[in-house]
Protein backbone atom coordinates (compact mmCIF):
# COMPACT_ATOMS: atom_id res chain seq x y z
CA UNK A 1 54.90 22.07 -47.88
CA UNK A 2 53.91 18.54 -46.98
CA UNK A 3 55.45 18.89 -43.51
CA UNK A 4 53.54 22.15 -42.90
CA UNK A 5 50.27 20.53 -44.03
CA UNK A 6 50.90 17.56 -41.75
CA UNK A 7 51.54 19.85 -38.77
CA UNK A 8 48.38 21.88 -39.49
CA UNK A 9 46.30 18.70 -39.85
CA UNK A 10 47.71 17.38 -36.53
CA UNK A 11 46.95 20.66 -34.76
CA UNK A 12 43.39 20.77 -36.17
CA UNK A 13 42.83 17.14 -35.17
CA UNK A 14 43.99 17.79 -31.60
CA UNK A 15 41.81 20.91 -31.35
CA UNK A 16 38.79 18.98 -32.68
CA UNK A 17 39.37 16.17 -30.17
CA UNK A 18 39.70 18.61 -27.29
CA UNK A 19 36.54 20.46 -28.30
CA UNK A 20 34.65 17.19 -28.69
CA UNK A 21 35.65 15.99 -25.23
CA UNK A 22 34.74 19.37 -23.72
CA UNK A 23 31.21 19.19 -25.13
CA UNK A 24 30.78 15.69 -23.69
CA UNK A 25 31.79 16.68 -20.15
CA UNK A 26 29.11 15.82 -17.60
CA UNK A 27 27.60 18.73 -15.74
CA UNK A 28 27.15 18.28 -11.98
CA UNK A 29 23.64 19.15 -10.87
CA UNK A 30 21.95 19.39 -7.50
CA UNK A 31 18.47 18.46 -6.37
CA UNK A 32 16.81 19.49 -3.16
CA UNK A 33 13.49 18.27 -1.89
CA UNK A 34 11.42 17.81 1.21
CA UNK A 35 9.87 14.38 1.75
CA UNK A 36 6.77 13.67 3.80
CA UNK A 37 5.97 9.98 4.32
CA UNK A 38 4.37 7.43 6.61
CA UNK A 39 5.02 3.80 7.54
CA UNK A 40 3.09 1.63 5.10
CA UNK A 41 4.37 -1.59 6.68
CA UNK A 42 6.62 -2.57 9.58
CA UNK A 43 7.57 -5.81 11.26
CA UNK A 44 9.74 -5.77 14.39
CA UNK A 45 11.38 -8.87 15.80
CA UNK A 46 12.71 -8.65 19.36
CA UNK A 47 16.32 -9.81 19.70
CA UNK A 48 15.93 -10.75 23.38
CA UNK A 49 19.39 -9.77 24.62
CA UNK A 50 18.46 -6.44 26.24
CA UNK A 51 15.16 -4.67 26.77
CA UNK A 52 13.95 -2.78 23.69
CA UNK A 53 16.43 -4.34 21.20
CA UNK A 54 14.84 -5.36 17.91
CA UNK A 55 15.43 -5.71 14.22
CA UNK A 56 12.82 -4.49 11.77
CA UNK A 57 11.91 -4.34 8.14
CA UNK A 58 9.65 -1.57 6.92
CA UNK A 59 8.37 0.35 3.94
CA UNK A 60 7.31 3.98 3.71
CA UNK A 61 5.21 5.87 1.18
CA UNK A 62 4.75 9.56 0.62
CA UNK A 63 5.52 12.58 -1.53
CA UNK A 64 8.72 14.47 -2.38
CA UNK A 65 8.44 18.22 -3.04
CA UNK A 66 11.38 19.49 -5.14
CA UNK A 67 12.69 23.07 -5.23
CA UNK A 68 12.03 23.01 -8.98
CA UNK A 69 8.30 22.75 -8.25
CA UNK A 70 8.06 19.10 -9.25
CA UNK A 71 6.39 16.54 -7.03
CA UNK A 72 7.30 12.85 -7.03
CA UNK A 73 5.96 9.84 -5.20
CA UNK A 74 8.38 8.42 -2.64
CA UNK A 75 8.68 4.78 -1.59
CA UNK A 76 11.37 3.17 0.52
CA UNK A 77 12.24 -0.23 1.93
CA UNK A 78 14.50 -0.38 4.98
CA UNK A 79 15.92 -2.53 7.74
CA UNK A 80 16.90 -1.32 11.18
CA UNK A 81 18.74 -2.71 14.21
CA UNK A 82 17.81 -0.55 17.18
CA UNK A 83 17.71 -0.55 20.94
CA UNK A 84 14.97 1.68 22.33
CA UNK A 85 14.81 3.51 18.99
CA UNK A 86 18.56 4.13 18.62
CA UNK A 87 20.58 2.41 15.94
CA UNK A 88 21.51 2.09 12.28
CA UNK A 89 19.17 1.76 9.32
CA UNK A 90 19.75 1.04 5.65
CA UNK A 91 17.69 0.45 2.56
CA UNK A 92 16.54 1.68 -0.82
CA UNK A 93 14.37 4.61 -1.89
CA UNK A 94 12.57 5.24 -5.18
CA UNK A 95 11.27 8.58 -6.47
CA UNK A 96 8.73 8.42 -9.32
CA UNK A 97 7.87 11.55 -11.33
CA UNK A 98 4.76 12.50 -13.27
CA UNK A 99 6.49 11.82 -16.61
CA UNK A 100 7.33 8.25 -15.46
CA UNK A 101 11.03 8.96 -14.85
CA UNK A 102 12.48 7.42 -11.69
CA UNK A 103 15.64 7.24 -9.68
CA UNK A 104 16.60 4.76 -6.98
CA UNK A 105 19.05 5.35 -4.16
CA UNK A 106 20.72 3.07 -1.67
CA UNK A 107 21.06 4.68 1.78
CA UNK A 108 22.38 4.14 5.28
CA UNK A 109 21.97 6.23 8.38
CA UNK A 110 21.11 6.41 12.03
CA UNK A 111 18.04 6.86 14.19
CA UNK A 112 18.24 8.81 17.43
CA UNK A 113 15.30 8.95 19.85
CA UNK A 114 14.10 12.36 20.97
CA UNK A 115 11.38 13.34 23.48
CA UNK A 116 7.72 12.42 23.00
CA UNK A 117 8.56 9.03 21.43
CA UNK A 118 9.86 10.73 18.27
CA UNK A 119 13.00 10.01 16.27
CA UNK A 120 15.66 12.06 14.48
CA UNK A 121 17.14 10.50 11.33
CA UNK A 122 20.16 11.34 9.21
CA UNK A 123 22.21 9.55 6.63
CA UNK A 124 23.82 9.36 3.22
CA UNK A 125 23.13 7.52 0.01
CA UNK A 126 24.16 6.92 -3.59
CA UNK A 127 22.07 6.87 -6.74
CA UNK A 128 22.08 3.33 -8.16
CA UNK A 129 19.59 3.51 -11.06
CA UNK A 130 17.56 5.93 -13.09
CA UNK A 131 14.98 5.66 -15.84
CA UNK A 132 13.65 8.18 -18.35
CA UNK A 133 15.40 11.52 -17.94
CA UNK A 134 17.42 10.07 -15.03
CA UNK A 135 18.85 7.17 -17.07
CA UNK A 136 22.51 6.69 -16.09
CA UNK A 137 22.33 8.91 -12.98
CA UNK A 138 25.44 8.88 -10.77
CA UNK A 139 26.01 10.75 -7.55
CA UNK A 140 25.24 10.90 -3.86
CA UNK A 141 22.89 12.52 -1.37
CA UNK A 142 22.32 13.31 2.27
CA UNK A 143 19.11 13.38 4.27
CA UNK A 144 18.03 14.47 7.73
CA UNK A 145 14.73 14.92 9.48
CA UNK A 146 12.45 13.61 12.19
CA UNK A 147 9.19 11.88 12.90
CA UNK A 148 6.25 14.12 13.78
CA UNK A 149 4.07 11.46 15.29
CA UNK A 150 5.03 8.25 17.07
CA UNK A 151 4.03 5.08 15.26
CA UNK A 152 0.53 3.86 15.99
CA UNK A 153 -2.30 2.42 13.90
CA UNK A 154 -3.78 5.91 13.72
CA UNK A 155 -0.72 8.06 12.98
CA UNK A 156 1.50 5.64 11.01
CA UNK A 157 4.73 7.30 12.22
CA UNK A 158 4.66 10.37 9.99
CA UNK A 159 8.20 11.36 8.94
CA UNK A 160 9.54 14.54 7.33
CA UNK A 161 13.07 14.97 5.99
CA UNK A 162 15.25 17.15 3.78
CA UNK A 163 17.02 15.48 0.86
CA UNK A 164 20.01 17.08 -0.91
CA UNK A 165 21.61 15.32 -3.87
CA UNK A 166 24.48 15.98 -6.25
CA UNK A 167 24.46 14.04 -9.52
CA UNK A 168 25.57 13.75 -13.13
CA UNK A 169 23.81 12.33 -16.15
CA UNK A 170 25.49 10.99 -19.27
CA UNK A 171 25.47 13.29 -22.27
CA UNK A 172 23.22 12.31 -25.13
């Protein structure tokens, strides 16, 4: 009888462990939003090797409109190395929600000039930090869009892009 009890206890322990690990599995979620933003600050330094080559540092501010109906403020900080508007960019973006929760992503992508002094953008990123309900966020995202106005003191280089992310959060 002791051997049968030991086997039953082992089986129940294994089942309990498997059930416990199944309830702690992280669920993959998606988020989709449309971001509208403008250049809050930009500084461009000419490189001087070829016409139109410069490096820049900039920040953008705006709003992100999520499929869920939520709206978040959007802020990013980026650098760019471009010749006549074409080249790579990289930086960080922060989304801040009404409840105070945030997430931060690190991104890299490319700019491609299009007619009328506008620019197409696309790139990828990873979530690097979250607070509030996004604490412990892990995952990645893509983005693509374009400017709607060229940069000037009046228009501020309005930009619109689609953001699609896949992420997990730790179980609580």
